[in-house]
C-alpha atoms as a PDB file:
ATOM      1  CA  MET A   1       2.282  -7.157  11.127  1.00  0.00           C
ATOM      2  CA  LEU A   2       0.464  -3.722  10.019  1.00  0.00           C
ATOM      3  CA  ASN A   3      -2.764  -2.354  10.435  1.00  0.00           C
ATOM      4  CA  ALA A   4      -2.762   0.660   8.366  1.00  0.00           C
ATOM      5  CA  THR A   5      -5.030   1.831   5.207  1.00  0.00           C
ATOM      6  CA  GLN A   6      -2.492   3.438   2.825  1.00  0.00           C
ATOM      7  CA  PRO A   7       1.206   2.498   1.864  1.00  0.00           C
ATOM      8  CA  ILE A   8       3.594   3.412   4.404  1.00  0.00           C
ATOM      9  CA  ALA A   9       7.240   3.625   4.750  1.00  0.00           C
ATOM     10  CA  MET A  10       8.849   0.423   5.826  1.00  0.00           C
ATOM     11  CA  PRO A  11      12.430   0.953   5.798  1.00  0.00           C
ATOM     12  CA  TRP A  12      13.102  -2.475   7.635  1.00  0.00           C
ATOM     13  CA  LEU A  13      11.429  -4.437   5.115  1.00  0.00           C
ATOM     14  CA  PRO A  14      14.864  -6.328   3.621  1.00  0.00           C
ATOM     15  CA  LYS A  15      15.386  -7.472   7.038  1.00  0.00           C
ATOM     16  CA  VAL A  16      11.868  -9.402   7.644  1.00  0.00           C
ATOM     17  CA  LYS A  17      10.594 -12.800   5.867  1.00  0.00           C
ATOM     18  CA  ALA A  18       6.954 -11.437   5.661  1.00  0.00           C
ATOM     19  CA  VAL A  19       4.330  -9.018   6.279  1.00  0.00           C
ATOM     20  CA  LEU A  20       1.112  -9.534   7.382  1.00  0.00           C
ATOM     21  CA  GLN A  21      -1.314  -6.727   6.827  1.00  0.00           C
ATOM     22  CA  MET A  22      -4.354  -6.724   8.735  1.00  0.00           C
ATOM     23  CA  TRP A  23      -6.279  -4.013   7.236  1.00  0.00           C
ATOM     24  CA  TYR A  24      -9.016  -3.472   9.503  1.00  0.00           C
ATOM     25  CA  PRO A  25      -9.233  -6.101  11.242  1.00  0.00           C
ATOM     26  CA  GLY A  26     -12.614  -5.458  13.490  1.00  0.00           C
ATOM     27  CA  ASP A  27     -13.502  -6.381  16.654  1.00  0.00           C
ATOM     28  CA  GLU A  28     -11.928  -9.697  16.400  1.00  0.00           C
ATOM     29  CA  GLY A  29      -8.720  -8.887  15.415  1.00  0.00           C
ATOM     30  CA  GLY A  30      -6.879  -9.574  18.147  1.00  0.00           C
ATOM     31  CA  TRP A  31      -8.095 -13.284  17.555  1.00  0.00           C
ATOM     32  CA  ALA A  32      -7.594 -13.230  14.025  1.00  0.00           C
ATOM     33  CA  THR A  33      -3.805 -12.009  14.061  1.00  0.00           C
ATOM     34  CA  ALA A  34      -2.938 -14.672  16.793  1.00  0.00           C
ATOM     35  CA  ASN A  35      -4.574 -17.405  14.525  1.00  0.00           C
ATOM     36  CA  LEU A  36      -2.522 -16.242  12.334  1.00  0.00           C
ATOM     37  CA  LEU A  37       1.153 -15.593  13.743  1.00  0.00           C
ATOM     38  CA  LEU A  38       0.040 -19.281  15.361  1.00  0.00           C
ATOM     39  CA  GLY A  39      -0.371 -20.945  11.828  1.00  0.00           C
ATOM     40  CA  LYS A  40      -3.820 -21.973  13.234  1.00  0.00           C
ATOM     41  CA  SER A  41      -5.055 -20.111   9.838  1.00  0.00           C
ATOM     42  CA  SER A  42      -3.592 -19.261   6.846  1.00  0.00           C
ATOM     43  CA  PRO A  43      -2.895 -15.961   5.365  1.00  0.00           C
ATOM     44  CA  ALA A  44      -3.459 -16.432   2.266  1.00  0.00           C
ATOM     45  CA  GLY A  45      -5.141 -13.821   1.078  1.00  0.00           C
ATOM     46  CA  ARG A  46      -4.036 -11.351  -1.543  1.00  0.00           C
ATOM     47  CA  LEU A  47      -4.082  -7.406  -1.436  1.00  0.00           C
ATOM     48  CA  PRO A  48      -6.235  -6.351  -4.367  1.00  0.00           C
ATOM     49  CA  PHE A  49      -3.612  -3.588  -5.067  1.00  0.00           C
ATOM     50  CA  THR A  50      -0.325  -2.643  -4.961  1.00  0.00           C
ATOM     51  CA  TRP A  51       1.922  -1.027  -2.720  1.00  0.00           C
ATOM     52  CA  PRO A  52       4.707   0.583  -3.539  1.00  0.00           C
ATOM     53  CA  LYS A  53       8.421  -0.648  -1.734  1.00  0.00           C
ATOM     54  CA  HIS A  54       9.396   3.377  -1.087  1.00  0.00           C
ATOM     55  CA  LEU A  55       6.824   6.426  -0.550  1.00  0.00           C
ATOM     56  CA  GLN A  56       8.326   8.349  -3.095  1.00  0.00           C
ATOM     57  CA  GLN A  57       7.255   5.320  -6.180  1.00  0.00           C
ATOM     58  CA  ARG A  58       3.783   6.548  -5.514  1.00  0.00           C
ATOM     59  CA  ALA A  59       1.881   9.017  -8.078  1.00  0.00           C
ATOM     60  CA  ALA A  60       1.862  11.765  -4.797  1.00  0.00           C
ATOM     61  CA  GLY A  61       5.367  11.164  -5.029  1.00  0.00           C
ATOM     62  CA  ASP A  62       6.395  11.725  -8.799  1.00  0.00           C
ATOM     63  CA  PRO A  63       7.770  15.164  -9.662  1.00  0.00           C
ATOM     64  CA  ALA A  64       5.420  14.464 -13.263  1.00  0.00           C
ATOM     65  CA  HIS A  65       2.364  15.092 -10.964  1.00  0.00           C
ATOM     66  CA  PRO A  66       2.857  17.792  -9.339  1.00  0.00           C
ATOM     67  CA  GLU A  67      -1.058  18.243  -8.843  1.00  0.00           C
ATOM     68  CA  ARG A  68      -0.772  15.844  -5.621  1.00  0.00           C
ATOM     69  CA  SER A  69       1.199  17.796  -3.797  1.00  0.00           C
ATOM     70  CA  SER A  70      -0.453  20.848  -3.786  1.00  0.00           C
ATOM     71  CA  HIS A  71      -3.681  22.450  -4.029  1.00  0.00           C
ATOM     72  CA  HIS A  72      -5.081  23.742  -7.824  1.00  0.00           C
ATOM     73  CA  GLY A  73      -8.281  25.592  -6.824  1.00  0.00           C
ATOM     74  CA  GLY A  74      -9.566  22.644  -5.162  1.00  0.00           C
ATOM     75  CA  ASN A  75      -9.201  20.646  -8.248  1.00  0.00           C
ATOM     76  CA  VAL A  76      -7.104  17.530  -8.752  1.00  0.00           C
ATOM     77  CA  ASN A  77      -6.439  16.667 -12.288  1.00  0.00           C
ATOM     78  CA  TYR A  78      -5.404  12.750 -12.588  1.00  0.00           C
ATOM     79  CA  SER A  79      -3.417  13.136 -15.343  1.00  0.00           C
ATOM     80  CA  GLU A  80      -2.021   9.868 -15.314  1.00  0.00           C
ATOM     81  CA  GLY A  81      -4.972   8.485 -17.166  1.00  0.00           C
ATOM     82  CA  ILE A  82      -5.438   4.916 -16.952  1.00  0.00           C
ATOM     83  CA  PHE A  83      -2.203   3.957 -15.133  1.00  0.00           C
ATOM     84  CA  ILE A  84      -3.532   4.139 -11.867  1.00  0.00           C
ATOM     85  CA  GLY A  85      -2.866   1.245  -8.962  1.00  0.00           C
ATOM     86  CA  TYR A  86      -0.693  -1.490 -10.466  1.00  0.00           C
ATOM     87  CA  ARG A  87      -0.502  -0.098 -14.035  1.00  0.00           C
ATOM     88  CA  TRP A  88       0.988   2.912 -12.768  1.00  0.00           C
ATOM     89  CA  TYR A  89       4.108   0.537 -11.404  1.00  0.00           C
ATOM     90  CA  ASP A  90       4.192  -1.786 -14.140  1.00  0.00           C
ATOM     91  CA  GLN A  91       4.461   1.611 -16.681  1.00  0.00           C
ATOM     92  CA  ARG A  92       7.426   2.500 -14.993  1.00  0.00           C
ATOM     93  CA  LYS A  93       8.724  -1.115 -14.021  1.00  0.00           C
ATOM     94  CA  ILE A  94       9.173  -0.793 -10.631  1.00  0.00           C
END
């Protein structure tokens, strides 16, 4: 089970059958998690975005976009254009 707001390294991913991402569970998060793990509720929701399998696969880790890892006068140039989110991964066949 994850309670993270951004992609994280998951070197153990091949060893598990599923990943439950709770996101921002709030005050009732404990109950919600228990209900999901016990099969009382269905974890049928899907994330509205794509997370990389490896952190190096993100635009921030791509050497073609050095502006992500250093400051350039306080400005960030999003040079990938429309290739953001799932389009980033589709374009790179990830």
